Amino acid sequence: MGQVIHYQDDIFLIDSLIGFVADAANLEADADILGETVLSVIQQADRAFRTIRELVLANSHLVDRNEYLMLLGRAAATMADALPKLLAADSAFSGLLQSKADDLRAVSRAHRGFVQEIQALLDTTSPDTANLDDHVSGDELSELLRE
């Protein structure tokens, strides 16, 4: 019997982990208190992201595959943007993360590559909607404009 994968829930949680990393990059939290946690979350989020990305890419028959790819692309872009900020000299975490700086730069480059790969895949599968930016559907717009 096959395992049921809850793609949307998994992607949501991965995005939440990556959001935590982005928050750490944008805030002035104490590295003494949260540094090891931030590093651990980066590693876990990257590992989980790679796993779910491979599962989505391997299953071309998923009904919501393009949506999952767009969500993964946004998460990858967030991770790729956050890691250089954490490694910057003025970051509270830079000293703690220097021993892992090469690995973290590689993770950032890989996520930037994932963004490009996902964008290219979306361009070929659905060129009309292949944009990682947020969109508001006609129904959502009507709901928003209703008084």
N, C-alpha and C. Protein backbone atom coordinates (compact mmCIF):
# COMPACT_ATOMS: atom_id res chain seq x y z
N MET A 1 0.84 -1.17 0.00
CA MET A 1 0.00 0.00 0.00
C MET A 1 0.89 1.24 0.00
N GLY A 2 0.60 2.20 -0.86
CA GLY A 2 1.41 3.41 -1.00
C GLY A 2 1.16 4.40 0.11
N GLN A 3 2.13 5.24 0.32
CA GLN A 3 2.03 6.29 1.32
C GLN A 3 1.32 7.50 0.73
N VAL A 4 0.40 8.07 1.49
CA VAL A 4 -0.30 9.27 1.07
C VAL A 4 0.55 10.47 1.47
N ILE A 5 0.81 11.34 0.51
CA ILE A 5 1.60 12.53 0.77
C ILE A 5 0.68 13.73 0.73
N HIS A 6 0.72 14.51 1.77
CA HIS A 6 -0.11 15.71 1.87
C HIS A 6 0.72 16.90 1.42
N TYR A 7 0.83 17.04 0.11
CA TYR A 7 1.72 18.04 -0.49
C TYR A 7 1.48 19.43 0.04
N GLN A 8 0.24 19.86 0.03
CA GLN A 8 -0.07 21.24 0.40
C GLN A 8 0.30 21.51 1.86
N ASP A 9 0.01 20.57 2.74
CA ASP A 9 0.36 20.74 4.15
C ASP A 9 1.88 20.74 4.33
N ASP A 10 2.55 19.83 3.65
CA ASP A 10 4.01 19.76 3.75
C ASP A 10 4.65 21.05 3.24
N ILE A 11 4.17 21.54 2.11
CA ILE A 11 4.72 22.78 1.53
C ILE A 11 4.44 23.95 2.45
N PHE A 12 3.26 23.99 3.05
CA PHE A 12 2.94 25.06 3.99
C PHE A 12 3.92 25.08 5.16
N LEU A 13 4.20 23.92 5.73
CA LEU A 13 5.11 23.85 6.86
C LEU A 13 6.55 24.20 6.46
N ILE A 14 6.96 23.73 5.29
CA ILE A 14 8.30 24.08 4.78
C ILE A 14 8.39 25.58 4.58
N ASP A 15 7.37 26.17 3.99
CA ASP A 15 7.35 27.62 3.79
C ASP A 15 7.38 28.35 5.13
N SER A 16 6.73 27.80 6.14
CA SER A 16 6.76 28.41 7.48
C SER A 16 8.16 28.36 8.06
N LEU A 17 8.85 27.24 7.88
CA LEU A 17 10.23 27.14 8.36
C LEU A 17 11.13 28.15 7.65
N ILE A 18 10.96 28.25 6.35
CA ILE A 18 11.75 29.20 5.58
C ILE A 18 11.38 30.63 5.96
N GLY A 19 10.13 30.86 6.28
CA GLY A 19 9.71 32.17 6.78
C GLY A 19 10.40 32.52 8.08
N PHE A 20 10.60 31.53 8.94
CA PHE A 20 11.34 31.73 10.19
C PHE A 20 12.78 32.16 9.88
N VAL A 21 13.39 31.51 8.91
CA VAL A 21 14.76 31.86 8.50
C VAL A 21 14.78 33.30 7.98
N ALA A 22 13.81 33.66 7.17
CA ALA A 22 13.73 35.03 6.63
C ALA A 22 13.53 36.04 7.76
N ASP A 23 12.69 35.69 8.72
CA ASP A 23 12.49 36.58 9.87
C ASP A 23 13.79 36.76 10.65
N ALA A 24 14.52 35.68 10.85
CA ALA A 24 15.80 35.75 11.56
C ALA A 24 16.77 36.66 10.81
N ALA A 25 16.70 36.63 9.49
CA ALA A 25 17.60 37.45 8.67
C ALA A 25 17.23 38.93 8.75
N ASN A 26 15.97 39.22 9.01
CA ASN A 26 15.50 40.60 9.02
C ASN A 26 15.40 41.23 10.41
N LEU A 27 15.54 40.42 11.43
CA LEU A 27 15.44 40.91 12.80
C LEU A 27 16.82 40.92 13.47
N GLU A 28 16.91 41.56 14.60
CA GLU A 28 18.17 41.61 15.34
C GLU A 28 18.08 40.72 16.58
N ALA A 29 17.78 39.46 16.36
CA ALA A 29 17.68 38.51 17.47
C ALA A 29 19.08 38.16 17.98
N ASP A 30 19.14 37.64 19.17
CA ASP A 30 20.42 37.30 19.79
C ASP A 30 20.90 35.93 19.31
N ALA A 31 22.07 35.92 18.70
CA ALA A 31 22.65 34.68 18.19
C ALA A 31 22.96 33.71 19.33
N ASP A 32 23.30 34.23 20.51
CA ASP A 32 23.59 33.36 21.64
C ASP A 32 22.37 32.54 22.05
N ILE A 33 21.22 33.11 21.86
CA ILE A 33 19.98 32.45 22.26
C ILE A 33 19.41 31.60 21.13
N LEU A 34 19.40 32.13 19.90
CA LEU A 34 18.71 31.47 18.80
C LEU A 34 19.61 30.97 17.67
N GLY A 35 20.90 31.19 17.76
CA GLY A 35 21.79 30.85 16.66
C GLY A 35 21.74 29.39 16.23
N GLU A 36 21.85 28.49 17.19
CA GLU A 36 21.81 27.06 16.85
C GLU A 36 20.44 26.66 16.30
N THR A 37 19.41 27.29 16.80
CA THR A 37 18.06 27.02 16.30
C THR A 37 17.93 27.46 14.85
N VAL A 38 18.43 28.65 14.54
CA VAL A 38 18.36 29.16 13.17
C VAL A 38 19.12 28.23 12.23
N LEU A 39 20.31 27.81 12.62
CA LEU A 39 21.09 26.90 11.78
C LEU A 39 20.35 25.58 11.58
N SER A 40 19.79 25.05 12.63
CA SER A 40 19.05 23.79 12.55
C SER A 40 17.83 23.92 11.63
N VAL A 41 17.11 25.02 11.76
CA VAL A 41 15.92 25.25 10.92
C VAL A 41 16.34 25.38 9.45
N ILE A 42 17.44 26.06 9.18
CA ILE A 42 17.93 26.18 7.80
C ILE A 42 18.17 24.79 7.23
N GLN A 43 18.88 23.96 7.97
CA GLN A 43 19.22 22.62 7.49
C GLN A 43 17.99 21.76 7.31
N GLN A 44 17.08 21.79 8.28
CA GLN A 44 15.85 20.99 8.18
C GLN A 44 14.95 21.47 7.05
N ALA A 45 14.81 22.78 6.92
CA ALA A 45 13.97 23.33 5.85
C ALA A 45 14.53 22.97 4.48
N ASP A 46 15.84 23.07 4.33
CA ASP A 46 16.47 22.73 3.06
C ASP A 46 16.26 21.25 2.74
N ARG A 47 16.46 20.38 3.72
CA ARG A 47 16.29 18.94 3.51
C ARG A 47 14.84 18.62 3.12
N ALA A 48 13.89 19.19 3.86
CA ALA A 48 12.47 18.93 3.57
C ALA A 48 12.08 19.51 2.21
N PHE A 49 12.58 20.72 1.91
CA PHE A 49 12.29 21.35 0.62
C PHE A 49 12.76 20.45 -0.53
N ARG A 50 13.98 19.96 -0.44
CA ARG A 50 14.52 19.12 -1.50
C ARG A 50 13.70 17.84 -1.68
N THR A 51 13.26 17.27 -0.56
CA THR A 51 12.47 16.04 -0.63
C THR A 51 11.14 16.28 -1.33
N ILE A 52 10.40 17.31 -0.89
CA ILE A 52 9.08 17.56 -1.48
C ILE A 52 9.22 18.03 -2.92
N ARG A 53 10.26 18.78 -3.22
CA ARG A 53 10.51 19.22 -4.60
C ARG A 53 10.70 18.02 -5.51
N GLU A 54 11.49 17.06 -5.07
CA GLU A 54 11.71 15.86 -5.88
C GLU A 54 10.41 15.08 -6.08
N LEU A 55 9.61 14.99 -5.03
CA LEU A 55 8.34 14.26 -5.15
C LEU A 55 7.39 14.95 -6.14
N VAL A 56 7.32 16.27 -6.07
CA VAL A 56 6.45 17.01 -6.99
C VAL A 56 6.96 16.89 -8.42
N LEU A 57 8.26 17.04 -8.61
CA LEU A 57 8.82 16.95 -9.96
C LEU A 57 8.66 15.54 -10.54
N ALA A 58 8.73 14.53 -9.70
CA ALA A 58 8.63 13.15 -10.17
C ALA A 58 7.20 12.76 -10.53
N ASN A 59 6.21 13.47 -10.02
CA ASN A 59 4.82 13.11 -10.25
C ASN A 59 4.14 14.15 -11.14
N SER A 60 4.24 13.94 -12.44
CA SER A 60 3.67 14.90 -13.39
C SER A 60 2.15 14.81 -13.47
N HIS A 61 1.54 13.85 -12.77
CA HIS A 61 0.09 13.67 -12.83
C HIS A 61 -0.64 14.29 -11.65
N LEU A 62 0.06 15.00 -10.80
CA LEU A 62 -0.60 15.68 -9.69
C LEU A 62 -1.57 16.72 -10.23
N VAL A 63 -2.74 16.75 -9.68
CA VAL A 63 -3.76 17.70 -10.14
C VAL A 63 -3.31 19.13 -9.92
N ASP A 64 -2.74 19.42 -8.76
CA ASP A 64 -2.34 20.78 -8.41
C ASP A 64 -0.83 20.98 -8.53
N ARG A 65 -0.20 20.27 -9.42
CA ARG A 65 1.26 20.29 -9.54
C ARG A 65 1.81 21.70 -9.78
N ASN A 66 1.20 22.44 -10.70
CA ASN A 66 1.69 23.79 -10.99
C ASN A 66 1.57 24.71 -9.78
N GLU A 67 0.50 24.56 -9.03
CA GLU A 67 0.34 25.36 -7.81
C GLU A 67 1.46 24.99 -6.82
N TYR A 68 1.72 23.71 -6.65
CA TYR A 68 2.78 23.27 -5.75
C TYR A 68 4.13 23.81 -6.21
N LEU A 69 4.36 23.79 -7.51
CA LEU A 69 5.62 24.30 -8.04
C LEU A 69 5.75 25.80 -7.77
N MET A 70 4.66 26.54 -7.94
CA MET A 70 4.72 27.98 -7.67
C MET A 70 5.01 28.23 -6.19
N LEU A 71 4.37 27.48 -5.31
CA LEU A 71 4.61 27.64 -3.89
C LEU A 71 6.05 27.28 -3.53
N LEU A 72 6.56 26.22 -4.12
CA LEU A 72 7.95 25.83 -3.89
C LEU A 72 8.91 26.88 -4.43
N GLY A 73 8.58 27.45 -5.58
CA GLY A 73 9.42 28.49 -6.15
C GLY A 73 9.51 29.71 -5.26
N ARG A 74 8.38 30.11 -4.68
CA ARG A 74 8.38 31.25 -3.77
C ARG A 74 9.19 30.95 -2.51
N ALA A 75 9.03 29.74 -1.99
CA ALA A 75 9.79 29.35 -0.80
C ALA A 75 11.28 29.33 -1.09
N ALA A 76 11.65 28.81 -2.26
CA ALA A 76 13.07 28.77 -2.64
C ALA A 76 13.64 30.17 -2.78
N ALA A 77 12.87 31.07 -3.34
CA ALA A 77 13.33 32.45 -3.50
C ALA A 77 13.52 33.11 -2.13
N THR A 78 12.63 32.84 -1.20
CA THR A 78 12.75 33.39 0.14
C THR A 78 14.01 32.88 0.82
N MET A 79 14.28 31.59 0.69
CA MET A 79 15.49 31.01 1.29
C MET A 79 16.74 31.59 0.64
N ALA A 80 16.73 31.68 -0.68
CA ALA A 80 17.89 32.21 -1.40
C ALA A 80 18.19 33.65 -1.01
N ASP A 81 17.17 34.43 -0.71
CA ASP A 81 17.35 35.82 -0.30
C ASP A 81 17.78 35.94 1.16
N ALA A 82 17.29 35.05 2.02
CA ALA A 82 17.54 35.16 3.45
C ALA A 82 18.97 34.76 3.84
N LEU A 83 19.49 33.74 3.21
CA LEU A 83 20.80 33.23 3.64
C LEU A 83 21.93 34.25 3.49
N PRO A 84 22.05 34.97 2.38
CA PRO A 84 23.11 35.99 2.31
C PRO A 84 22.96 37.07 3.39
N LYS A 85 21.73 37.41 3.76
CA LYS A 85 21.52 38.39 4.82
C LYS A 85 22.04 37.87 6.16
N LEU A 86 21.80 36.58 6.41
CA LEU A 86 22.28 35.99 7.67
C LEU A 86 23.80 35.94 7.73
N LEU A 87 24.43 35.80 6.57
CA LEU A 87 25.88 35.69 6.51
C LEU A 87 26.58 37.04 6.42
N ALA A 88 25.82 38.10 6.17
CA ALA A 88 26.40 39.44 6.04
C ALA A 88 27.10 39.84 7.34
N ALA A 89 28.14 40.63 7.21
CA ALA A 89 28.96 41.04 8.37
C ALA A 89 28.14 41.75 9.45
N ASP A 90 27.09 42.47 9.05
CA ASP A 90 26.29 43.20 10.03
C ASP A 90 25.16 42.37 10.64
N SER A 91 25.07 41.11 10.29
CA SER A 91 24.04 40.23 10.84
C SER A 91 24.44 39.75 12.23
N ALA A 92 23.47 39.65 13.10
CA ALA A 92 23.72 39.13 14.45
C ALA A 92 24.20 37.68 14.41
N PHE A 93 23.87 36.96 13.36
CA PHE A 93 24.19 35.54 13.26
C PHE A 93 25.47 35.26 12.49
N SER A 94 26.07 36.28 11.90
CA SER A 94 27.21 36.04 11.00
C SER A 94 28.36 35.33 11.70
N GLY A 95 28.70 35.72 12.90
CA GLY A 95 29.80 35.08 13.62
C GLY A 95 29.55 33.61 13.87
N LEU A 96 28.36 33.30 14.31
CA LEU A 96 28.01 31.92 14.60
C LEU A 96 27.96 31.06 13.34
N LEU A 97 27.52 31.64 12.24
CA LEU A 97 27.34 30.88 11.00
C LEU A 97 28.59 30.81 10.13
N GLN A 98 29.66 31.51 10.51
CA GLN A 98 30.85 31.53 9.65
C GLN A 98 31.44 30.15 9.42
N SER A 99 31.37 29.27 10.38
CA SER A 99 31.92 27.92 10.19
C SER A 99 31.14 27.14 9.14
N LYS A 100 29.93 27.52 8.90
CA LYS A 100 29.06 26.86 7.91
C LYS A 100 28.81 27.75 6.70
N ALA A 101 29.54 28.84 6.56
CA ALA A 101 29.27 29.84 5.53
C ALA A 101 29.33 29.25 4.13
N ASP A 102 30.32 28.44 3.82
CA ASP A 102 30.42 27.86 2.48
C ASP A 102 29.22 26.97 2.18
N ASP A 103 28.82 26.16 3.15
CA ASP A 103 27.65 25.29 2.97
C ASP A 103 26.38 26.12 2.78
N LEU A 104 26.24 27.17 3.55
CA LEU A 104 25.04 28.01 3.45
C LEU A 104 25.00 28.79 2.15
N ARG A 105 26.15 29.22 1.67
CA ARG A 105 26.19 29.87 0.35
C ARG A 105 25.79 28.88 -0.74
N ALA A 106 26.22 27.64 -0.60
CA ALA A 106 25.85 26.61 -1.57
C ALA A 106 24.34 26.35 -1.53
N VAL A 107 23.77 26.34 -0.35
CA VAL A 107 22.31 26.17 -0.21
C VAL A 107 21.60 27.34 -0.88
N SER A 108 22.10 28.55 -0.66
CA SER A 108 21.49 29.73 -1.28
C SER A 108 21.55 29.65 -2.80
N ARG A 109 22.71 29.28 -3.33
CA ARG A 109 22.84 29.13 -4.79
C ARG A 109 21.93 28.04 -5.33
N ALA A 110 21.83 26.94 -4.59
CA ALA A 110 20.95 25.84 -5.02
C ALA A 110 19.50 26.29 -5.06
N HIS A 111 19.08 27.03 -4.06
CA HIS A 111 17.69 27.51 -4.04
C HIS A 111 17.44 28.52 -5.14
N ARG A 112 18.42 29.35 -5.44
CA ARG A 112 18.29 30.29 -6.56
C ARG A 112 18.13 29.47 -7.86
N GLY A 113 18.90 28.40 -8.00
CA GLY A 113 18.78 27.52 -9.16
C GLY A 113 17.43 26.84 -9.22
N PHE A 114 16.89 26.45 -8.04
CA PHE A 114 15.57 25.83 -8.01
C PHE A 114 14.50 26.80 -8.51
N VAL A 115 14.65 28.07 -8.14
CA VAL A 115 13.69 29.09 -8.61
C VAL A 115 13.70 29.13 -10.13
N GLN A 116 14.88 29.19 -10.72
CA GLN A 116 15.00 29.25 -12.18
C GLN A 116 14.47 27.97 -12.83
N GLU A 117 14.78 26.83 -12.23
CA GLU A 117 14.31 25.55 -12.76
C GLU A 117 12.78 25.47 -12.73
N ILE A 118 12.21 25.86 -11.60
CA ILE A 118 10.75 25.81 -11.46
C ILE A 118 10.09 26.80 -12.41
N GLN A 119 10.65 27.99 -12.52
CA GLN A 119 10.09 28.99 -13.43
C GLN A 119 10.11 28.47 -14.87
N ALA A 120 11.22 27.85 -15.27
CA ALA A 120 11.33 27.31 -16.63
C ALA A 120 10.30 26.19 -16.84
N LEU A 121 10.12 25.35 -15.85
CA LEU A 121 9.14 24.26 -15.96
C LEU A 121 7.73 24.82 -16.06
N LEU A 122 7.43 25.84 -15.26
CA LEU A 122 6.11 26.46 -15.33
C LEU A 122 5.89 27.16 -16.67
N ASP A 123 6.95 27.76 -17.21
CA ASP A 123 6.85 28.42 -18.51
C ASP A 123 6.47 27.42 -19.61
N THR A 124 6.98 26.21 -19.51
CA THR A 124 6.69 25.21 -20.56
C THR A 124 5.35 24.52 -20.34
N THR A 125 4.91 24.37 -19.08
CA THR A 125 3.67 23.64 -18.84
C THR A 125 2.43 24.51 -18.88
N SER A 126 2.56 25.77 -18.45
CA SER A 126 1.40 26.66 -18.48
C SER A 126 1.87 28.10 -18.62
N PRO A 127 2.22 28.48 -19.83
CA PRO A 127 2.79 29.81 -20.04
C PRO A 127 1.87 30.96 -19.64
N ASP A 128 0.57 30.76 -19.61
CA ASP A 128 -0.35 31.84 -19.26
C ASP A 128 -0.30 32.19 -17.78
N THR A 129 0.00 31.21 -16.93
CA THR A 129 -0.02 31.44 -15.48
C THR A 129 1.33 31.18 -14.85
N ALA A 130 2.37 31.09 -15.62
CA ALA A 130 3.69 30.70 -15.11
C ALA A 130 4.45 31.89 -14.55
N ASN A 131 3.96 32.41 -13.45
CA ASN A 131 4.65 33.50 -12.80
C ASN A 131 4.62 33.22 -11.31
N LEU A 132 5.74 33.34 -10.64
CA LEU A 132 5.80 33.05 -9.21
C LEU A 132 5.23 34.17 -8.36
N ASP A 133 4.83 35.28 -8.99
CA ASP A 133 4.22 36.38 -8.24
C ASP A 133 2.79 36.01 -7.89
N ASP A 134 2.29 36.64 -6.83
CA ASP A 134 0.90 36.40 -6.41
C ASP A 134 -0.07 36.93 -7.45
N HIS A 135 -1.18 36.21 -7.61
CA HIS A 135 -2.24 36.63 -8.52
C HIS A 135 -3.55 36.65 -7.75
N VAL A 136 -4.44 37.52 -8.16
CA VAL A 136 -5.78 37.56 -7.60
C VAL A 136 -6.73 37.14 -8.72
N SER A 137 -7.50 36.09 -8.44
CA SER A 137 -8.43 35.61 -9.46
C SER A 137 -9.61 36.57 -9.57
N GLY A 138 -10.38 36.41 -10.63
CA GLY A 138 -11.57 37.23 -10.84
C GLY A 138 -12.57 37.08 -9.70
N ASP A 139 -12.75 35.84 -9.23
CA ASP A 139 -13.67 35.60 -8.11
C ASP A 139 -13.17 36.29 -6.84
N GLU A 140 -11.86 36.21 -6.58
CA GLU A 140 -11.31 36.86 -5.41
C GLU A 140 -11.45 38.37 -5.50
N LEU A 141 -11.23 38.91 -6.68
CA LEU A 141 -11.35 40.36 -6.88
C LEU A 141 -12.80 40.80 -6.66
N SER A 142 -13.74 40.04 -7.17
CA SER A 142 -15.16 40.37 -6.95
C SER A 142 -15.50 40.36 -5.47
N GLU A 143 -14.99 39.36 -4.77
CA GLU A 143 -15.23 39.25 -3.33
C GLU A 143 -14.62 40.43 -2.56
N LEU A 144 -13.43 40.83 -2.97
CA LEU A 144 -12.76 41.95 -2.32
C LEU A 144 -13.48 43.27 -2.57
N LEU A 145 -14.07 43.45 -3.74
CA LEU A 145 -14.71 44.70 -4.10
C LEU A 145 -16.16 44.77 -3.64
N ARG A 146 -16.70 43.66 -3.21
CA ARG A 146 -18.09 43.63 -2.76
C ARG A 146 -18.22 44.36 -1.43
N GLU A 147 -19.26 45.11 -1.29
CA GLU A 147 -19.48 45.85 -0.03
C GLU A 147 -20.39 45.12 0.89
